[in-house]
Amino acid sequence: MEDEDIAFKLVELYVRDVSKGHEKRQMGLDTIMNAYFYSLLRIQRKAREMKALEAAVEKEEELLEGKAASYEPNQAQETIHFQKEGSQEFEFD
């Protein structure tokens, strides 16, 4: 669905909701047009943000894949010891 169609549907829903409400507000053409353009700009901004986020995620995935390919299991072994009072010692590798 195109951004313009989504913005139109949002404004249509808004106008329908306001007209059904108990308070009868005066809505002029300017108010409706402002609501449409505001909705359209918000949708387009969210689309740009999603594209930037997708690019950042792809870059991070490539970085992680490169690190995973060069990872050697014996490279970073760490043992954690802890003991609860009055009980035996536990060890995790």
PDB file of N, CA and C in Angstrom:
ATOM      1  N   MET A   1       0.854  -1.173   0.000  1.00  0.00           N
ATOM      2  CA  MET A   1       0.000   0.000   0.000  1.00  0.00           C
ATOM      3  C   MET A   1       0.903   1.241   0.000  1.00  0.00           C
ATOM      4  N   GLU A   2       0.574   2.194  -0.802  1.00  0.00           N
ATOM      5  CA  GLU A   2       1.357   3.429  -0.915  1.00  0.00           C
ATOM      6  C   GLU A   2       1.202   4.295   0.326  1.00  0.00           C
ATOM      7  N   ASP A   3       2.216   5.120   0.580  1.00  0.00           N
ATOM      8  CA  ASP A   3       2.188   6.007   1.743  1.00  0.00           C
ATOM      9  C   ASP A   3       0.984   6.948   1.712  1.00  0.00           C
ATOM     10  N   GLU A   4       0.654   7.431   0.530  1.00  0.00           N
ATOM     11  CA  GLU A   4      -0.479   8.357   0.402  1.00  0.00           C
ATOM     12  C   GLU A   4      -1.797   7.682   0.779  1.00  0.00           C
ATOM     13  N   ASP A   5      -1.920   6.418   0.388  1.00  0.00           N
ATOM     14  CA  ASP A   5      -3.135   5.670   0.727  1.00  0.00           C
ATOM     15  C   ASP A   5      -3.246   5.446   2.231  1.00  0.00           C
ATOM     16  N   ILE A   6      -2.121   5.133   2.849  1.00  0.00           N
ATOM     17  CA  ILE A   6      -2.116   4.921   4.296  1.00  0.00           C
ATOM     18  C   ILE A   6      -2.489   6.212   5.016  1.00  0.00           C
ATOM     19  N   ALA A   7      -1.896   7.336   4.572  1.00  0.00           N
ATOM     20  CA  ALA A   7      -2.208   8.627   5.194  1.00  0.00           C
ATOM     21  C   ALA A   7      -3.687   8.958   5.018  1.00  0.00           C
ATOM     22  N   PHE A   8      -4.226   8.692   3.832  1.00  0.00           N
ATOM     23  CA  PHE A   8      -5.637   8.957   3.584  1.00  0.00           C
ATOM     24  C   PHE A   8      -6.520   8.126   4.507  1.00  0.00           C
ATOM     25  N   LYS A   9      -6.191   6.852   4.655  1.00  0.00           N
ATOM     26  CA  LYS A   9      -6.980   5.971   5.530  1.00  0.00           C
ATOM     27  C   LYS A   9      -6.920   6.440   6.980  1.00  0.00           C
ATOM     28  N   LEU A  10      -5.736   6.893   7.421  1.00  0.00           N
ATOM     29  CA  LEU A  10      -5.617   7.397   8.792  1.00  0.00           C
ATOM     30  C   LEU A  10      -6.484   8.626   9.012  1.00  0.00           C
ATOM     31  N   VAL A  11      -6.464   9.550   8.048  1.00  0.00           N
ATOM     32  CA  VAL A  11      -7.284  10.764   8.180  1.00  0.00           C
ATOM     33  C   VAL A  11      -8.759  10.408   8.110  1.00  0.00           C
ATOM     34  N   GLU A  12      -9.107   9.480   7.237  1.00  0.00           N
ATOM     35  CA  GLU A  12     -10.497   9.039   7.134  1.00  0.00           C
ATOM     36  C   GLU A  12     -10.969   8.452   8.465  1.00  0.00           C
ATOM     37  N   LEU A  13     -10.141   7.634   9.073  1.00  0.00           N
ATOM     38  CA  LEU A  13     -10.466   7.050  10.373  1.00  0.00           C
ATOM     39  C   LEU A  13     -10.599   8.139  11.436  1.00  0.00           C
ATOM     40  N   TYR A  14      -9.697   9.114  11.402  1.00  0.00           N
ATOM     41  CA  TYR A  14      -9.728  10.227  12.354  1.00  0.00           C
ATOM     42  C   TYR A  14     -11.021  11.026  12.214  1.00  0.00           C
ATOM     43  N   VAL A  15     -11.389  11.369  10.995  1.00  0.00           N
ATOM     44  CA  VAL A  15     -12.603  12.159  10.752  1.00  0.00           C
ATOM     45  C   VAL A  15     -13.834  11.365  11.184  1.00  0.00           C
ATOM     46  N   ARG A  16     -13.855  10.079  10.860  1.00  0.00           N
ATOM     47  CA  ARG A  16     -14.985   9.237  11.254  1.00  0.00           C
ATOM     48  C   ARG A  16     -15.094   9.150  12.776  1.00  0.00           C
ATOM     49  N   ASP A  17     -13.968   8.989  13.447  1.00  0.00           N
ATOM     50  CA  ASP A  17     -13.954   8.884  14.899  1.00  0.00           C
ATOM     51  C   ASP A  17     -14.410  10.184  15.555  1.00  0.00           C
ATOM     52  N   VAL A  18     -13.939  11.311  15.039  1.00  0.00           N
ATOM     53  CA  VAL A  18     -14.326  12.608  15.602  1.00  0.00           C
ATOM     54  C   VAL A  18     -15.805  12.878  15.358  1.00  0.00           C
ATOM     55  N   SER A  19     -16.311  12.497  14.191  1.00  0.00           N
ATOM     56  CA  SER A  19     -17.721  12.767  13.889  1.00  0.00           C
ATOM     57  C   SER A  19     -18.657  11.891  14.725  1.00  0.00           C
ATOM     58  N   LYS A  20     -18.173  10.724  15.166  1.00  0.00           N
ATOM     59  CA  LYS A  20     -18.996   9.852  16.009  1.00  0.00           C
ATOM     60  C   LYS A  20     -18.940  10.255  17.472  1.00  0.00           C
ATOM     61  N   GLY A  21     -17.939  11.023  17.846  1.00  0.00           N
ATOM     62  CA  GLY A  21     -17.742  11.404  19.240  1.00  0.00           C
ATOM     63  C   GLY A  21     -18.864  12.276  19.771  1.00  0.00           C
ATOM     64  N   HIS A  22     -18.899  12.374  21.076  1.00  0.00           N
ATOM     65  CA  HIS A  22     -19.945  13.169  21.714  1.00  0.00           C
ATOM     66  C   HIS A  22     -19.716  14.658  21.524  1.00  0.00           C
ATOM     67  N   GLU A  23     -18.474  15.062  21.489  1.00  0.00           N
ATOM     68  CA  GLU A  23     -18.222  16.483  21.274  1.00  0.00           C
ATOM     69  C   GLU A  23     -18.198  16.747  19.773  1.00  0.00           C
ATOM     70  N   LYS A  24     -18.905  17.702  19.359  1.00  0.00           N
ATOM     71  CA  LYS A  24     -18.966  18.036  17.938  1.00  0.00           C
ATOM     72  C   LYS A  24     -17.948  19.145  17.670  1.00  0.00           C
ATOM     73  N   ARG A  25     -16.838  18.739  17.068  1.00  0.00           N
ATOM     74  CA  ARG A  25     -15.787  19.704  16.750  1.00  0.00           C
ATOM     75  C   ARG A  25     -15.980  20.208  15.340  1.00  0.00           C
ATOM     76  N   GLN A  26     -15.608  21.425  15.153  1.00  0.00           N
ATOM     77  CA  GLN A  26     -15.603  22.008  13.819  1.00  0.00           C
ATOM     78  C   GLN A  26     -14.283  21.638  13.156  1.00  0.00           C
ATOM     79  N   MET A  27     -14.358  20.970  12.029  1.00  0.00           N
ATOM     80  CA  MET A  27     -13.161  20.640  11.285  1.00  0.00           C
ATOM     81  C   MET A  27     -13.271  21.269   9.907  1.00  0.00           C
ATOM     82  N   GLY A  28     -12.342  22.154   9.644  1.00  0.00           N
ATOM     83  CA  GLY A  28     -12.322  22.773   8.330  1.00  0.00           C
ATOM     84  C   GLY A  28     -11.410  22.002   7.401  1.00  0.00           C
ATOM     85  N   LEU A  29     -11.370  22.448   6.173  1.00  0.00           N
ATOM     86  CA  LEU A  29     -10.526  21.810   5.174  1.00  0.00           C
ATOM     87  C   LEU A  29      -9.053  21.880   5.569  1.00  0.00           C
ATOM     88  N   ASP A  30      -8.646  23.007   6.154  1.00  0.00           N
ATOM     89  CA  ASP A  30      -7.249  23.149   6.586  1.00  0.00           C
ATOM     90  C   ASP A  30      -6.874  22.097   7.627  1.00  0.00           C
ATOM     91  N   THR A  31      -7.753  21.855   8.573  1.00  0.00           N
ATOM     92  CA  THR A  31      -7.492  20.862   9.618  1.00  0.00           C
ATOM     93  C   THR A  31      -7.331  19.472   9.018  1.00  0.00           C
ATOM     94  N   ILE A  32      -8.200  19.136   8.090  1.00  0.00           N
ATOM     95  CA  ILE A  32      -8.154  17.821   7.465  1.00  0.00           C
ATOM     96  C   ILE A  32      -6.894  17.688   6.606  1.00  0.00           C
ATOM     97  N   MET A  33      -6.549  18.727   5.847  1.00  0.00           N
ATOM     98  CA  MET A  33      -5.347  18.692   5.017  1.00  0.00           C
ATOM     99  C   MET A  33      -4.087  18.604   5.878  1.00  0.00           C
ATOM    100  N   ASN A  34      -4.079  19.356   6.981  1.00  0.00           N
ATOM    101  CA  ASN A  34      -2.927  19.293   7.883  1.00  0.00           C
ATOM    102  C   ASN A  34      -2.775  17.895   8.475  1.00  0.00           C
ATOM    103  N   ALA A  35      -3.881  17.271   8.828  1.00  0.00           N
ATOM    104  CA  ALA A  35      -3.838  15.917   9.366  1.00  0.00           C
ATOM    105  C   ALA A  35      -3.305  14.941   8.322  1.00  0.00           C
ATOM    106  N   TYR A  36      -3.723  15.109   7.075  1.00  0.00           N
ATOM    107  CA  TYR A  36      -3.251  14.236   5.987  1.00  0.00           C
ATOM    108  C   TYR A  36      -1.744  14.382   5.783  1.00  0.00           C
ATOM    109  N   PHE A  37      -1.271  15.622   5.647  1.00  0.00           N
ATOM    110  CA  PHE A  37       0.153  15.837   5.391  1.00  0.00           C
ATOM    111  C   PHE A  37       1.011  15.457   6.598  1.00  0.00           C
ATOM    112  N   TYR A  38       0.501  15.685   7.781  1.00  0.00           N
ATOM    113  CA  TYR A  38       1.215  15.269   8.984  1.00  0.00           C
ATOM    114  C   TYR A  38       1.365  13.747   9.003  1.00  0.00           C
ATOM    115  N   SER A  39       0.278  13.045   8.698  1.00  0.00           N
ATOM    116  CA  SER A  39       0.323  11.575   8.666  1.00  0.00           C
ATOM    117  C   SER A  39       1.281  11.087   7.588  1.00  0.00           C
ATOM    118  N   LEU A  40       1.224  11.697   6.429  1.00  0.00           N
ATOM    119  CA  LEU A  40       2.086  11.307   5.319  1.00  0.00           C
ATOM    120  C   LEU A  40       3.562  11.511   5.678  1.00  0.00           C
ATOM    121  N   LEU A  41       3.892  12.644   6.266  1.00  0.00           N
ATOM    122  CA  LEU A  41       5.283  12.901   6.655  1.00  0.00           C
ATOM    123  C   LEU A  41       5.764  11.927   7.718  1.00  0.00           C
ATOM    124  N   ARG A  42       4.908  11.611   8.675  1.00  0.00           N
ATOM    125  CA  ARG A  42       5.288  10.639   9.715  1.00  0.00           C
ATOM    126  C   ARG A  42       5.550   9.262   9.118  1.00  0.00           C
ATOM    127  N   ILE A  43       4.706   8.842   8.192  1.00  0.00           N
ATOM    128  CA  ILE A  43       4.875   7.538   7.549  1.00  0.00           C
ATOM    129  C   ILE A  43       6.180   7.505   6.764  1.00  0.00           C
ATOM    130  N   GLN A  44       6.449   8.566   6.009  1.00  0.00           N
ATOM    131  CA  GLN A  44       7.683   8.615   5.215  1.00  0.00           C
ATOM    132  C   GLN A  44       8.922   8.661   6.102  1.00  0.00           C
ATOM    133  N   ARG A  45       8.850   9.382   7.218  1.00  0.00           N
ATOM    134  CA  ARG A  45       9.988   9.438   8.135  1.00  0.00           C
ATOM    135  C   ARG A  45      10.236   8.061   8.749  1.00  0.00           C
ATOM    136  N   LYS A  46       9.169   7.361   9.126  1.00  0.00           N
ATOM    137  CA  LYS A  46       9.326   6.016   9.690  1.00  0.00           C
ATOM    138  C   LYS A  46       9.940   5.073   8.661  1.00  0.00           C
ATOM    139  N   ALA A  47       9.561   5.228   7.389  1.00  0.00           N
ATOM    140  CA  ALA A  47      10.123   4.374   6.337  1.00  0.00           C
ATOM    141  C   ALA A  47      11.624   4.633   6.196  1.00  0.00           C
ATOM    142  N   ARG A  48      12.051   5.893   6.260  1.00  0.00           N
ATOM    143  CA  ARG A  48      13.481   6.219   6.187  1.00  0.00           C
ATOM    144  C   ARG A  48      14.219   5.666   7.396  1.00  0.00           C
ATOM    145  N   GLU A  49      13.603   5.769   8.570  1.00  0.00           N
ATOM    146  CA  GLU A  49      14.232   5.236   9.780  1.00  0.00           C
ATOM    147  C   GLU A  49      14.397   3.720   9.686  1.00  0.00           C
ATOM    148  N   MET A  50      13.400   3.038   9.136  1.00  0.00           N
ATOM    149  CA  MET A  50      13.474   1.582   9.000  1.00  0.00           C
ATOM    150  C   MET A  50      14.577   1.175   8.023  1.00  0.00           C
ATOM    151  N   LYS A  51      14.739   1.928   6.925  1.00  0.00           N
ATOM    152  CA  LYS A  51      15.805   1.632   5.975  1.00  0.00           C
ATOM    153  C   LYS A  51      17.170   1.804   6.627  1.00  0.00           C
ATOM    154  N   ALA A  52      17.344   2.869   7.396  1.00  0.00           N
ATOM    155  CA  ALA A  52      18.612   3.105   8.085  1.00  0.00           C
ATOM    156  C   ALA A  52      18.865   2.011   9.113  1.00  0.00           C
ATOM    157  N   LEU A  53      17.832   1.588   9.806  1.00  0.00           N
ATOM    158  CA  LEU A  53      17.961   0.527  10.803  1.00  0.00           C
ATOM    159  C   LEU A  53      18.315  -0.801  10.146  1.00  0.00           C
ATOM    160  N   GLU A  54      17.683  -1.101   9.023  1.00  0.00           N
ATOM    161  CA  GLU A  54      17.995  -2.331   8.289  1.00  0.00           C
ATOM    162  C   GLU A  54      19.452  -2.346   7.849  1.00  0.00           C
ATOM    163  N   ALA A  55      19.954  -1.207   7.357  1.00  0.00           N
ATOM    164  CA  ALA A  55      21.347  -1.123   6.925  1.00  0.00           C
ATOM    165  C   ALA A  55      22.286  -1.341   8.108  1.00  0.00           C
ATOM    166  N   ALA A  56      21.966  -0.765   9.252  1.00  0.00           N
ATOM    167  CA  ALA A  56      22.798  -0.929  10.446  1.00  0.00           C
ATOM    168  C   ALA A  56      22.799  -2.380  10.922  1.00  0.00           C
ATOM    169  N   VAL A  57      21.648  -3.032  10.863  1.00  0.00           N
ATOM    170  CA  VAL A  57      21.553  -4.434  11.282  1.00  0.00           C
ATOM    171  C   VAL A  57      22.356  -5.319  10.333  1.00  0.00           C
ATOM    172  N   GLU A  58      22.241  -5.080   9.031  1.00  0.00           N
ATOM    173  CA  GLU A  58      23.000  -5.872   8.060  1.00  0.00           C
ATOM    174  C   GLU A  58      24.505  -5.708   8.278  1.00  0.00           C
ATOM    175  N   LYS A  59      24.946  -4.482   8.538  1.00  0.00           N
ATOM    176  CA  LYS A  59      26.364  -4.227   8.788  1.00  0.00           C
ATOM    177  C   LYS A  59      26.823  -4.965  10.046  1.00  0.00           C
ATOM    178  N   GLU A  60      26.008  -4.921  11.088  1.00  0.00           N
ATOM    179  CA  GLU A  60      26.342  -5.605  12.338  1.00  0.00           C
ATOM    180  C   GLU A  60      26.384  -7.120  12.139  1.00  0.00           C
ATOM    181  N   GLU A  61      25.448  -7.656  11.351  1.00  0.00           N
ATOM    182  CA  GLU A  61      25.438  -9.090  11.080  1.00  0.00           C
ATOM    183  C   GLU A  61      26.699  -9.514  10.329  1.00  0.00           C
ATOM    184  N   GLU A  62      27.126  -8.697   9.353  1.00  0.00           N
ATOM    185  CA  GLU A  62      28.354  -8.995   8.617  1.00  0.00           C
ATOM    186  C   GLU A  62      29.550  -9.000   9.557  1.00  0.00           C
ATOM    187  N   LEU A  63      29.586  -8.036  10.460  1.00  0.00           N
ATOM    188  CA  LEU A  63      30.669  -7.961  11.441  1.00  0.00           C
ATOM    189  C   LEU A  63      30.688  -9.203  12.319  1.00  0.00           C
ATOM    190  N   LEU A  64      29.518  -9.595  12.797  1.00  0.00           N
ATOM    191  CA  LEU A  64      29.419 -10.771  13.662  1.00  0.00           C
ATOM    192  C   LEU A  64      29.776 -12.052  12.917  1.00  0.00           C
ATOM    193  N   GLU A  65      29.378 -12.156  11.652  1.00  0.00           N
ATOM    194  CA  GLU A  65      29.717 -13.331  10.856  1.00  0.00           C
ATOM    195  C   GLU A  65      31.226 -13.432  10.671  1.00  0.00           C
ATOM    196  N   GLY A  66      31.873 -12.290  10.459  1.00  0.00           N
ATOM    197  CA  GLY A  66      33.326 -12.274  10.315  1.00  0.00           C
ATOM    198  C   GLY A  66      34.018 -12.710  11.590  1.00  0.00           C
ATOM    199  N   LYS A  67      33.503 -12.264  12.729  1.00  0.00           N
ATOM    200  CA  LYS A  67      34.074 -12.655  14.018  1.00  0.00           C
ATOM    201  C   LYS A  67      33.818 -14.134  14.291  1.00  0.00           C
ATOM    202  N   ALA A  68      32.634 -14.628  13.933  1.00  0.00           N
ATOM    203  CA  ALA A  68      32.297 -16.036  14.171  1.00  0.00           C
ATOM    204  C   ALA A  68      33.175 -16.943  13.318  1.00  0.00           C
ATOM    205  N   ALA A  69      33.487 -16.514  12.105  1.00  0.00           N
ATOM    206  CA  ALA A  69      34.314 -17.336  11.224  1.00  0.00           C
ATOM    207  C   ALA A  69      35.740 -17.441  11.749  1.00  0.00           C
ATOM    208  N   SER A  70      36.223 -16.390  12.409  1.00  0.00           N
ATOM    209  CA  SER A  70      37.598 -16.409  12.905  1.00  0.00           C
ATOM    210  C   SER A  70      37.689 -16.886  14.355  1.00  0.00           C
ATOM    211  N   TYR A  71      36.585 -17.248  14.958  1.00  0.00           N
ATOM    212  CA  TYR A  71      36.568 -17.684  16.357  1.00  0.00           C
ATOM    213  C   TYR A  71      37.097 -19.103  16.490  1.00  0.00           C
ATOM    214  N   GLU A  72      37.995 -19.303  17.421  1.00  0.00           N
ATOM    215  CA  GLU A  72      38.497 -20.642  17.736  1.00  0.00           C
ATOM    216  C   GLU A  72      38.026 -20.994  19.141  1.00  0.00           C
ATOM    217  N   PRO A  73      37.407 -22.159  19.330  1.00  0.00           N
ATOM    218  CA  PRO A  73      36.823 -22.521  20.618  1.00  0.00           C
ATOM    219  C   PRO A  73      37.796 -22.444  21.795  1.00  0.00           C
ATOM    220  N   ASN A  74      39.051 -22.805  21.617  1.00  0.00           N
ATOM    221  CA  ASN A  74      40.012 -22.792  22.722  1.00  0.00           C
ATOM    222  C   ASN A  74      40.530 -21.391  23.013  1.00  0.00           C
ATOM    223  N   GLN A  75      40.139 -20.459  22.219  1.00  0.00           N
ATOM    224  CA  GLN A  75      40.654 -19.107  22.319  1.00  0.00           C
ATOM    225  C   GLN A  75      40.219 -18.412  23.606  1.00  0.00           C
ATOM    226  N   ALA A  76      38.991 -18.611  24.025  1.00  0.00           N
ATOM    227  CA  ALA A  76      38.481 -17.858  25.164  1.00  0.00           C
ATOM    228  C   ALA A  76      37.725 -18.767  26.122  1.00  0.00           C
ATOM    229  N   GLN A  77      38.440 -19.627  26.811  1.00  0.00           N
ATOM    230  CA  GLN A  77      37.775 -20.449  27.811  1.00  0.00           C
ATOM    231  C   GLN A  77      37.919 -19.767  29.154  1.00  0.00           C
ATOM    232  N   GLU A  78      36.843 -19.716  29.851  1.00  0.00           N
ATOM    233  CA  GLU A  78      36.818 -19.042  31.139  1.00  0.00           C
ATOM    234  C   GLU A  78      36.038 -19.924  32.100  1.00  0.00           C
ATOM    235  N   THR A  79      36.574 -20.107  33.280  1.00  0.00           N
ATOM    236  CA  THR A  79      35.894 -20.903  34.284  1.00  0.00           C
ATOM    237  C   THR A  79      35.374 -19.970  35.361  1.00  0.00           C
ATOM    238  N   ILE A  80      34.140 -20.174  35.736  1.00  0.00           N
ATOM    239  CA  ILE A  80      33.522 -19.354  36.773  1.00  0.00           C
ATOM    240  C   ILE A  80      33.303 -20.232  37.989  1.00  0.00           C
ATOM    241  N   HIS A  81      33.812 -19.787  39.140  1.00  0.00           N
ATOM    242  CA  HIS A  81      33.628 -20.514  40.394  1.00  0.00           C
ATOM    243  C   HIS A  81      32.754 -19.671  41.311  1.00  0.00           C
ATOM    244  N   PHE A  82      31.821 -20.318  41.944  1.00  0.00           N
ATOM    245  CA  PHE A  82      31.070 -19.636  42.995  1.00  0.00           C
ATOM    246  C   PHE A  82      30.597 -20.682  43.991  1.00  0.00           C
ATOM    247  N   GLN A  83      30.407 -20.220  45.200  1.00  0.00           N
ATOM    248  CA  GLN A  83      30.003 -21.136  46.258  1.00  0.00           C
ATOM    249  C   GLN A  83      28.937 -20.462  47.100  1.00  0.00           C
ATOM    250  N   LYS A  84      27.857 -21.161  47.305  1.00  0.00           N
ATOM    251  CA  LYS A  84      26.785 -20.671  48.153  1.00  0.00           C
ATOM    252  C   LYS A  84      27.139 -21.046  49.586  1.00  0.00           C
ATOM    253  N   GLU A  85      26.795 -20.179  50.506  1.00  0.00           N
ATOM    254  CA  GLU A  85      27.133 -20.446  51.910  1.00  0.00           C
ATOM    255  C   GLU A  85      26.598 -21.800  52.356  1.00  0.00           C
ATOM    256  N   GLY A  86      27.490 -22.586  52.975  1.00  0.00           N
ATOM    257  CA  GLY A  86      27.081 -23.869  53.535  1.00  0.00           C
ATOM    258  C   GLY A  86      26.824 -24.943  52.506  1.00  0.00           C
ATOM    259  N   SER A  87      27.276 -24.763  51.279  1.00  0.00           N
ATOM    260  CA  SER A  87      27.067 -25.810  50.277  1.00  0.00           C
ATOM    261  C   SER A  87      28.355 -26.033  49.486  1.00  0.00           C
ATOM    262  N   GLN A  88      28.271 -26.941  48.562  1.00  0.00           N
ATOM    263  CA  GLN A  88      29.472 -27.280  47.802  1.00  0.00           C
ATOM    264  C   GLN A  88      29.770 -26.225  46.735  1.00  0.00           C
ATOM    265  N   GLU A  89      30.969 -26.275  46.211  1.00  0.00           N
ATOM    266  CA  GLU A  89      31.403 -25.327  45.195  1.00  0.00           C
ATOM    267  C   GLU A  89      30.922 -25.800  43.831  1.00  0.00           C
ATOM    268  N   PHE A  90      30.500 -24.868  42.979  1.00  0.00           N
ATOM    269  CA  PHE A  90      30.062 -25.169  41.621  1.00  0.00           C
ATOM    270  C   PHE A  90      31.067 -24.603  40.650  1.00  0.00           C
ATOM    271  N   GLU A  91      31.234 -25.251  39.520  1.00  0.00           N
ATOM    272  CA  GLU A  91      32.158 -24.774  38.521  1.00  0.00           C
ATOM    273  C   GLU A  91      31.494 -24.861  37.161  1.00  0.00           C
ATOM    274  N   PHE A  92      31.566 -23.778  36.396  1.00  0.00           N
ATOM    275  CA  PHE A  92      31.001 -23.728  35.064  1.00  0.00           C
ATOM    276  C   PHE A  92      32.085 -23.372  34.071  1.00  0.00           C
ATOM    277  N   ASP A  93      32.142 -24.084  32.988  1.00  0.00           N
ATOM    278  CA  ASP A  93      33.095 -23.745  31.903  1.00  0.00           C
ATOM    279  C   ASP A  93      32.361 -23.042  30.798  1.00  0.00           C
TER     280      ASP A  93
END
